Amino acid sequence: MTRPFTTIAAVLFALAALLHLYRLFTHFQVTFGSHTVPMWCSYVAIVVAAFLAWGLYRETRRPGAPGPAARVRALPHLLRDALVGRYPGVGPGKLAALTLAVGVYLVSPVDAVPDFLPVVGWGDDTALLVWFLVGLTRESGRYVEWTAGRTATNDSEVARI
Protein backbone atom coordinates (compact mmCIF):
# COMPACT_ATOMS: atom_id res chain seq x y z
CA MET A 1 0.00 0.00 0.00
CA THR A 2 1.43 3.40 -0.92
CA ARG A 3 0.94 6.57 1.07
CA PRO A 4 1.29 9.50 -1.34
CA PHE A 5 1.32 12.29 1.25
CA THR A 6 3.94 10.57 3.38
CA THR A 7 6.01 9.96 0.26
CA ILE A 8 5.65 13.63 -0.70
CA ALA A 9 6.78 14.68 2.79
CA ALA A 10 9.80 12.35 2.53
CA VAL A 11 10.71 13.89 -0.84
CA LEU A 12 10.37 17.43 0.58
CA PHE A 13 12.66 16.59 3.51
CA ALA A 14 15.18 15.06 1.08
CA LEU A 15 15.05 18.24 -1.04
CA ALA A 16 15.62 20.35 2.08
CA ALA A 17 18.72 18.27 2.88
CA LEU A 18 19.98 18.70 -0.69
CA LEU A 19 19.40 22.47 -0.57
CA HIS A 20 21.45 22.73 2.61
CA LEU A 21 24.16 20.63 0.99
CA TYR A 22 24.13 23.03 -1.96
CA ARG A 23 24.41 25.95 0.47
CA LEU A 24 27.51 24.41 2.03
CA PHE A 25 29.24 23.89 -1.33
CA THR A 26 28.39 27.36 -2.69
CA HIS A 27 28.78 29.25 0.61
CA PHE A 28 25.38 30.84 0.04
CA GLN A 29 24.54 33.26 2.88
CA VAL A 30 21.05 33.29 4.43
CA THR A 31 20.02 36.43 6.31
CA PHE A 32 16.93 37.08 8.46
CA GLY A 33 16.69 40.78 9.22
CA SER A 34 20.09 41.69 10.61
CA HIS A 35 21.06 38.11 11.52
CA THR A 36 23.06 35.87 9.19
CA VAL A 37 22.48 32.15 9.66
CA PRO A 38 25.82 30.44 10.36
CA MET A 39 26.97 27.78 7.93
CA TRP A 40 27.13 25.14 10.67
CA CYS A 41 23.31 25.31 10.90
CA SER A 42 23.20 23.68 7.47
CA TYR A 43 25.15 20.70 8.80
CA VAL A 44 22.52 20.23 11.50
CA ALA A 45 19.70 20.77 8.98
CA ILE A 46 21.16 18.16 6.62
CA VAL A 47 21.27 15.55 9.38
CA VAL A 48 17.76 16.33 10.66
CA ALA A 49 16.14 16.55 7.21
CA ALA A 50 17.88 13.40 5.96
CA PHE A 51 16.87 11.51 9.12
CA LEU A 52 13.23 12.58 8.73
CA ALA A 53 13.23 11.78 5.00
CA TRP A 54 14.65 8.30 5.61
CA GLY A 55 12.22 7.59 8.47
CA LEU A 56 9.21 8.66 6.42
CA TYR A 57 10.41 6.70 3.41
CA ARG A 58 10.80 3.54 5.53
CA GLU A 59 7.37 4.10 7.02
CA THR A 60 5.76 4.27 3.56
CA ARG A 61 7.36 0.98 2.56
CA ARG A 62 6.32 -1.03 5.60
CA PRO A 63 3.45 -3.30 4.51
CA GLY A 64 0.24 -2.91 6.48
CA ALA A 65 1.40 0.17 8.38
CA PRO A 66 -1.38 2.59 9.32
CA GLY A 67 -1.51 5.84 7.40
CA PRO A 68 -1.01 9.30 8.88
CA ALA A 69 -4.76 10.02 9.13
CA ALA A 70 -5.37 6.80 11.09
CA ARG A 71 -2.49 7.66 13.43
CA VAL A 72 -3.83 11.17 14.10
CA ARG A 73 -7.36 9.84 14.72
CA ALA A 74 -5.93 7.26 17.13
CA LEU A 75 -3.98 9.75 19.27
CA PRO A 76 -6.81 10.67 21.69
CA HIS A 77 -7.70 6.99 22.13
CA LEU A 78 -4.02 6.08 22.64
CA LEU A 79 -3.63 8.76 25.31
CA ARG A 80 -6.83 7.68 27.09
CA ASP A 81 -6.00 3.96 26.99
CA ALA A 82 -2.39 4.54 28.05
CA LEU A 83 -3.37 6.78 30.97
CA VAL A 84 -5.94 4.31 32.32
CA GLY A 85 -3.56 1.36 31.80
CA ARG A 86 -5.47 -0.50 29.08
CA TYR A 87 -2.74 -0.14 26.42
CA PRO A 88 0.35 -2.22 27.26
CA GLY A 89 2.68 -0.35 24.87
CA VAL A 90 3.16 2.70 27.10
CA GLY A 91 2.57 2.89 30.82
CA PRO A 92 0.70 5.84 32.31
CA GLY A 93 3.73 6.90 34.36
CA LYS A 94 6.07 6.93 31.37
CA LEU A 95 3.62 8.89 29.22
CA ALA A 96 2.93 11.45 31.93
CA ALA A 97 6.62 11.83 32.80
CA LEU A 98 7.72 12.32 29.19
CA THR A 99 4.92 14.78 28.46
CA LEU A 100 5.64 16.75 31.61
CA ALA A 101 9.42 16.77 31.02
CA VAL A 102 9.06 17.95 27.41
CA GLY A 103 6.48 20.58 28.38
CA VAL A 104 8.57 21.94 31.24
CA TYR A 105 11.69 22.10 29.06
CA LEU A 106 9.85 23.94 26.28
CA VAL A 107 8.45 26.66 28.57
CA SER A 108 11.48 26.87 30.88
CA PRO A 109 13.82 29.84 30.41
CA VAL A 110 16.74 27.54 31.28
CA ASP A 111 17.79 25.64 28.13
CA ALA A 112 20.77 23.73 26.81
CA VAL A 113 21.07 26.55 24.24
CA PRO A 114 19.67 29.93 25.40
CA ASP A 115 16.61 31.13 23.46
CA PHE A 116 17.96 34.66 23.03
CA LEU A 117 20.48 33.38 20.45
CA PRO A 118 18.97 33.90 16.99
CA VAL A 119 17.91 30.74 15.12
CA VAL A 120 20.11 28.43 17.20
CA GLY A 121 18.35 29.24 20.45
CA TRP A 122 15.17 27.52 19.38
CA GLY A 123 17.02 24.57 17.82
CA ASP A 124 17.17 22.48 20.99
CA ASP A 125 13.49 23.15 21.71
CA THR A 126 12.55 22.23 18.14
CA ALA A 127 14.65 19.06 18.20
CA LEU A 128 13.06 17.95 21.47
CA LEU A 129 9.55 18.65 20.19
CA VAL A 130 10.24 16.78 16.91
CA TRP A 131 11.65 13.82 18.86
CA PHE A 132 8.55 13.72 21.09
CA LEU A 133 6.09 14.02 18.19
CA VAL A 134 7.89 11.38 16.11
CA GLY A 135 7.80 9.01 19.08
CA LEU A 136 4.11 9.71 19.65
CA THR A 137 3.36 9.18 15.95
CA ARG A 138 5.20 5.86 15.85
CA GLU A 139 3.49 4.73 19.05
CA SER A 140 0.08 5.69 17.61
CA GLY A 141 0.86 3.42 14.64
CA ARG A 142 1.59 0.56 17.02
CA TYR A 143 -1.60 1.42 18.89
CA VAL A 144 -3.68 1.21 15.68
CA GLU A 145 -2.15 -2.20 14.95
CA TRP A 146 -2.76 -3.31 18.55
CA THR A 147 -6.43 -2.29 18.45
CA ALA A 148 -6.89 -4.02 15.08
CA GLY A 149 -5.38 -7.22 16.51
CA ARG A 150 -7.51 -6.94 19.62
CA THR A 151 -10.67 -6.45 17.55
CA ALA A 152 -9.79 -9.46 15.38
CA THR A 153 -9.23 -11.57 18.51
CA ASN A 154 -12.58 -10.48 19.98
CA ASP A 155 -14.36 -11.22 16.67
CA SER A 156 -12.87 -14.74 16.49
CA GLU A 157 -13.93 -15.41 20.10
CA VAL A 158 -17.49 -14.30 19.33
CA ALA A 159 -17.53 -16.48 16.22
CA ARG A 160 -16.54 -19.55 18.28
CA ILE A 161 -19.40 -19.00 20.74
C-alpha atoms as a PDB file:
ATOM      1  CA  MET A   1       0.000   0.000   0.000  1.00  0.00           C
ATOM      2  CA  THR A   2       1.428   3.397  -0.915  1.00  0.00           C
ATOM      3  CA  ARG A   3       0.943   6.569   1.067  1.00  0.00           C
ATOM      4  CA  PRO A   4       1.289   9.495  -1.338  1.00  0.00           C
ATOM      5  CA  PHE A   5       1.321  12.292   1.253  1.00  0.00           C
ATOM      6  CA  THR A   6       3.936  10.571   3.383  1.00  0.00           C
ATOM      7  CA  THR A   7       6.010   9.962   0.257  1.00  0.00           C
ATOM      8  CA  ILE A   8       5.652  13.629  -0.703  1.00  0.00           C
ATOM      9  CA  ALA A   9       6.779  14.679   2.792  1.00  0.00           C
ATOM     10  CA  ALA A  10       9.797  12.352   2.534  1.00  0.00           C
ATOM     11  CA  VAL A  11      10.713  13.885  -0.837  1.00  0.00           C
ATOM     12  CA  LEU A  12      10.372  17.426   0.581  1.00  0.00           C
ATOM     13  CA  PHE A  13      12.660  16.590   3.509  1.00  0.00           C
ATOM     14  CA  ALA A  14      15.184  15.059   1.078  1.00  0.00           C
ATOM     15  CA  LEU A  15      15.054  18.235  -1.040  1.00  0.00           C
ATOM     16  CA  ALA A  16      15.623  20.353   2.077  1.00  0.00           C
ATOM     17  CA  ALA A  17      18.715  18.269   2.882  1.00  0.00           C
ATOM     18  CA  LEU A  18      19.979  18.697  -0.688  1.00  0.00           C
ATOM     19  CA  LEU A  19      19.402  22.468  -0.572  1.00  0.00           C
ATOM     20  CA  HIS A  20      21.453  22.729   2.607  1.00  0.00           C
ATOM     21  CA  LEU A  21      24.161  20.628   0.993  1.00  0.00           C
ATOM     22  CA  TYR A  22      24.125  23.035  -1.964  1.00  0.00           C
ATOM     23  CA  ARG A  23      24.413  25.951   0.475  1.00  0.00           C
ATOM     24  CA  LEU A  24      27.514  24.411   2.033  1.00  0.00           C
ATOM     25  CA  PHE A  25      29.235  23.894  -1.327  1.00  0.00           C
ATOM     26  CA  THR A  26      28.389  27.356  -2.693  1.00  0.00           C
ATOM     27  CA  HIS A  27      28.784  29.248   0.612  1.00  0.00           C
ATOM     28  CA  PHE A  28      25.377  30.841   0.044  1.00  0.00           C
ATOM     29  CA  GLN A  29      24.543  33.262   2.883  1.00  0.00           C
ATOM     30  CA  VAL A  30      21.047  33.295   4.431  1.00  0.00           C
ATOM     31  CA  THR A  31      20.016  36.434   6.311  1.00  0.00           C
ATOM     32  CA  PHE A  32      16.930  37.085   8.457  1.00  0.00           C
ATOM     33  CA  GLY A  33      16.693  40.784   9.221  1.00  0.00           C
ATOM     34  CA  SER A  34      20.090  41.695  10.607  1.00  0.00           C
ATOM     35  CA  HIS A  35      21.061  38.112  11.519  1.00  0.00           C
ATOM     36  CA  THR A  36      23.063  35.873   9.192  1.00  0.00           C
ATOM     37  CA  VAL A  37      22.482  32.150   9.664  1.00  0.00           C
ATOM     38  CA  PRO A  38      25.824  30.444  10.362  1.00  0.00           C
ATOM     39  CA  MET A  39      26.967  27.779   7.927  1.00  0.00           C
ATOM     40  CA  TRP A  40      27.125  25.145  10.669  1.00  0.00           C
ATOM     41  CA  CYS A  41      23.315  25.314  10.897  1.00  0.00           C
ATOM     42  CA  SER A  42      23.202  23.685   7.470  1.00  0.00           C
ATOM     43  CA  TYR A  43      25.155  20.700   8.797  1.00  0.00           C
ATOM     44  CA  VAL A  44      22.524  20.226  11.497  1.00  0.00           C
ATOM     45  CA  ALA A  45      19.696  20.769   8.984  1.00  0.00           C
ATOM     46  CA  ILE A  46      21.156  18.155   6.624  1.00  0.00           C
ATOM     47  CA  VAL A  47      21.272  15.548   9.382  1.00  0.00           C
ATOM     48  CA  VAL A  48      17.758  16.327  10.661  1.00  0.00           C
ATOM     49  CA  ALA A  49      16.139  16.552   7.207  1.00  0.00           C
ATOM     50  CA  ALA A  50      17.879  13.395   5.956  1.00  0.00           C
ATOM     51  CA  PHE A  51      16.871  11.509   9.118  1.00  0.00           C
ATOM     52  CA  LEU A  52      13.229  12.577   8.733  1.00  0.00           C
ATOM     53  CA  ALA A  53      13.227  11.776   4.999  1.00  0.00           C
ATOM     54  CA  TRP A  54      14.655   8.301   5.611  1.00  0.00           C
ATOM     55  CA  GLY A  55      12.225   7.590   8.466  1.00  0.00           C
ATOM     56  CA  LEU A  56       9.213   8.661   6.418  1.00  0.00           C
ATOM     57  CA  TYR A  57      10.409   6.697   3.407  1.00  0.00           C
ATOM     58  CA  ARG A  58      10.804   3.544   5.530  1.00  0.00           C
ATOM     59  CA  GLU A  59       7.366   4.099   7.018  1.00  0.00           C
ATOM     60  CA  THR A  60       5.758   4.273   3.563  1.00  0.00           C
ATOM     61  CA  ARG A  61       7.365   0.981   2.556  1.00  0.00           C
ATOM     62  CA  ARG A  62       6.317  -1.026   5.605  1.00  0.00           C
ATOM     63  CA  PRO A  63       3.452  -3.305   4.514  1.00  0.00           C
ATOM     64  CA  GLY A  64       0.239  -2.911   6.478  1.00  0.00           C
ATOM     65  CA  ALA A  65       1.400   0.165   8.384  1.00  0.00           C
ATOM     66  CA  PRO A  66      -1.379   2.590   9.322  1.00  0.00           C
ATOM     67  CA  GLY A  67      -1.512   5.840   7.396  1.00  0.00           C
ATOM     68  CA  PRO A  68      -1.007   9.304   8.881  1.00  0.00           C
ATOM     69  CA  ALA A  69      -4.757  10.017   9.135  1.00  0.00           C
ATOM     70  CA  ALA A  70      -5.370   6.802  11.092  1.00  0.00           C
ATOM     71  CA  ARG A  71      -2.493   7.664  13.435  1.00  0.00           C
ATOM     72  CA  VAL A  72      -3.825  11.165  14.104  1.00  0.00           C
ATOM     73  CA  ARG A  73      -7.358   9.843  14.717  1.00  0.00           C
ATOM     74  CA  ALA A  74      -5.935   7.257  17.126  1.00  0.00           C
ATOM     75  CA  LEU A  75      -3.981   9.751  19.273  1.00  0.00           C
ATOM     76  CA  PRO A  76      -6.808  10.669  21.695  1.00  0.00           C
ATOM     77  CA  HIS A  77      -7.697   6.988  22.130  1.00  0.00           C
ATOM     78  CA  LEU A  78      -4.023   6.084  22.636  1.00  0.00           C
ATOM     79  CA  LEU A  79      -3.633   8.759  25.310  1.00  0.00           C
ATOM     80  CA  ARG A  80      -6.829   7.678  27.088  1.00  0.00           C
ATOM     81  CA  ASP A  81      -6.002   3.955  26.987  1.00  0.00           C
ATOM     82  CA  ALA A  82      -2.388   4.543  28.048  1.00  0.00           C
ATOM     83  CA  LEU A  83      -3.370   6.775  30.975  1.00  0.00           C
ATOM     84  CA  VAL A  84      -5.940   4.309  32.318  1.00  0.00           C
ATOM     85  CA  GLY A  85      -3.563   1.362  31.797  1.00  0.00           C
ATOM     86  CA  ARG A  86      -5.473  -0.495  29.075  1.00  0.00           C
ATOM     87  CA  TYR A  87      -2.738  -0.139  26.424  1.00  0.00           C
ATOM     88  CA  PRO A  88       0.348  -2.218  27.259  1.00  0.00           C
ATOM     89  CA  GLY A  89       2.683  -0.350  24.866  1.00  0.00           C
ATOM     90  CA  VAL A  90       3.165   2.700  27.104  1.00  0.00           C
ATOM     91  CA  GLY A  91       2.575   2.891  30.817  1.00  0.00           C
ATOM     92  CA  PRO A  92       0.701   5.839  32.312  1.00  0.00           C
ATOM     93  CA  GLY A  93       3.729   6.900  34.364  1.00  0.00           C
ATOM     94  CA  LYS A  94       6.073   6.929  31.374  1.00  0.00           C
ATOM     95  CA  LEU A  95       3.619   8.893  29.218  1.00  0.00           C
ATOM     96  CA  ALA A  96       2.926  11.449  31.927  1.00  0.00           C
ATOM     97  CA  ALA A  97       6.623  11.833  32.805  1.00  0.00           C
ATOM     98  CA  LEU A  98       7.720  12.318  29.191  1.00  0.00           C
ATOM     99  CA  THR A  99       4.917  14.782  28.460  1.00  0.00           C
ATOM    100  CA  LEU A 100       5.645  16.752  31.610  1.00  0.00           C
ATOM    101  CA  ALA A 101       9.416  16.768  31.020  1.00  0.00           C
ATOM    102  CA  VAL A 102       9.062  17.954  27.410  1.00  0.00           C
ATOM    103  CA  GLY A 103       6.478  20.577  28.377  1.00  0.00           C
ATOM    104  CA  VAL A 104       8.572  21.942  31.239  1.00  0.00           C
ATOM    105  CA  TYR A 105      11.694  22.095  29.061  1.00  0.00           C
ATOM    106  CA  LEU A 106       9.847  23.939  26.283  1.00  0.00           C
ATOM    107  CA  VAL A 107       8.451  26.657  28.573  1.00  0.00           C
ATOM    108  CA  SER A 108      11.478  26.874  30.877  1.00  0.00           C
ATOM    109  CA  PRO A 109      13.816  29.841  30.414  1.00  0.00           C
ATOM    110  CA  VAL A 110      16.742  27.536  31.275  1.00  0.00           C
ATOM    111  CA  ASP A 111      17.788  25.642  28.125  1.00  0.00           C
ATOM    112  CA  ALA A 112      20.775  23.733  26.811  1.00  0.00           C
ATOM    113  CA  VAL A 113      21.072  26.552  24.243  1.00  0.00           C
ATOM    114  CA  PRO A 114      19.669  29.930  25.404  1.00  0.00           C
ATOM    115  CA  ASP A 115      16.611  31.126  23.465  1.00  0.00           C
ATOM    116  CA  PHE A 116      17.957  34.663  23.029  1.00  0.00           C
ATOM    117  CA  LEU A 117      20.481  33.383  20.446  1.00  0.00           C
ATOM    118  CA  PRO A 118      18.974  33.899  16.988  1.00  0.00           C
ATOM    119  CA  VAL A 119      17.910  30.737  15.121  1.00  0.00           C
ATOM    120  CA  VAL A 120      20.113  28.433  17.199  1.00  0.00           C
ATOM    121  CA  GLY A 121      18.346  29.240  20.450  1.00  0.00           C
ATOM    122  CA  TRP A 122      15.171  27.522  19.376  1.00  0.00           C
ATOM    123  CA  GLY A 123      17.020  24.573  17.824  1.00  0.00           C
ATOM    124  CA  ASP A 124      17.170  22.482  20.986  1.00  0.00           C
ATOM    125  CA  ASP A 125      13.486  23.150  21.709  1.00  0.00           C
ATOM    126  CA  THR A 126      12.548  22.234  18.143  1.00  0.00           C
ATOM    127  CA  ALA A 127      14.647  19.063  18.200  1.00  0.00           C
ATOM    128  CA  LEU A 128      13.056  17.951  21.469  1.00  0.00           C
ATOM    129  CA  LEU A 129       9.553  18.648  20.193  1.00  0.00           C
ATOM    130  CA  VAL A 130      10.241  16.782  16.913  1.00  0.00           C
ATOM    131  CA  TRP A 131      11.647  13.825  18.864  1.00  0.00           C
ATOM    132  CA  PHE A 132       8.549  13.722  21.094  1.00  0.00           C
ATOM    133  CA  LEU A 133       6.085  14.018  18.191  1.00  0.00           C
ATOM    134  CA  VAL A 134       7.886  11.375  16.107  1.00  0.00           C
ATOM    135  CA  GLY A 135       7.800   9.009  19.080  1.00  0.00           C
ATOM    136  CA  LEU A 136       4.112   9.708  19.651  1.00  0.00           C
ATOM    137  CA  THR A 137       3.357   9.180  15.948  1.00  0.00           C
ATOM    138  CA  ARG A 138       5.199   5.864  15.855  1.00  0.00           C
ATOM    139  CA  GLU A 139       3.486   4.735  19.045  1.00  0.00           C
ATOM    140  CA  SER A 140       0.082   5.686  17.614  1.00  0.00           C
ATOM    141  CA  GLY A 141       0.861   3.421  14.635  1.00  0.00           C
ATOM    142  CA  ARG A 142       1.589   0.561  17.019  1.00  0.00           C
ATOM    143  CA  TYR A 143      -1.600   1.424  18.892  1.00  0.00           C
ATOM    144  CA  VAL A 144      -3.677   1.209  15.684  1.00  0.00           C
ATOM    145  CA  GLU A 145      -2.149  -2.201  14.946  1.00  0.00           C
ATOM    146  CA  TRP A 146      -2.763  -3.314  18.554  1.00  0.00           C
ATOM    147  CA  THR A 147      -6.434  -2.290  18.449  1.00  0.00           C
ATOM    148  CA  ALA A 148      -6.893  -4.021  15.079  1.00  0.00           C
ATOM    149  CA  GLY A 149      -5.377  -7.218  16.512  1.00  0.00           C
ATOM    150  CA  ARG A 150      -7.512  -6.939  19.625  1.00  0.00           C
ATOM    151  CA  THR A 151     -10.666  -6.455  17.552  1.00  0.00           C
ATOM    152  CA  ALA A 152      -9.790  -9.457  15.376  1.00  0.00           C
ATOM    153  CA  THR A 153      -9.230 -11.572  18.508  1.00  0.00           C
ATOM    154  CA  ASN A 154     -12.584 -10.483  19.975  1.00  0.00           C
ATOM    155  CA  ASP A 155     -14.361 -11.221  16.673  1.00  0.00           C
ATOM    156  CA  SER A 156     -12.875 -14.739  16.494  1.00  0.00           C
ATOM    157  CA  GLU A 157     -13.931 -15.414  20.102  1.00  0.00           C
ATOM    158  CA  VAL A 158     -17.487 -14.302  19.333  1.00  0.00           C
ATOM    159  CA  ALA A 159     -17.532 -16.484  16.217  1.00  0.00           C
ATOM    160  CA  ARG A 160     -16.538 -19.553  18.276  1.00  0.00           C
ATOM    161  CA  ILE A 161     -19.397 -19.004  20.739  1.00  0.00           C
END
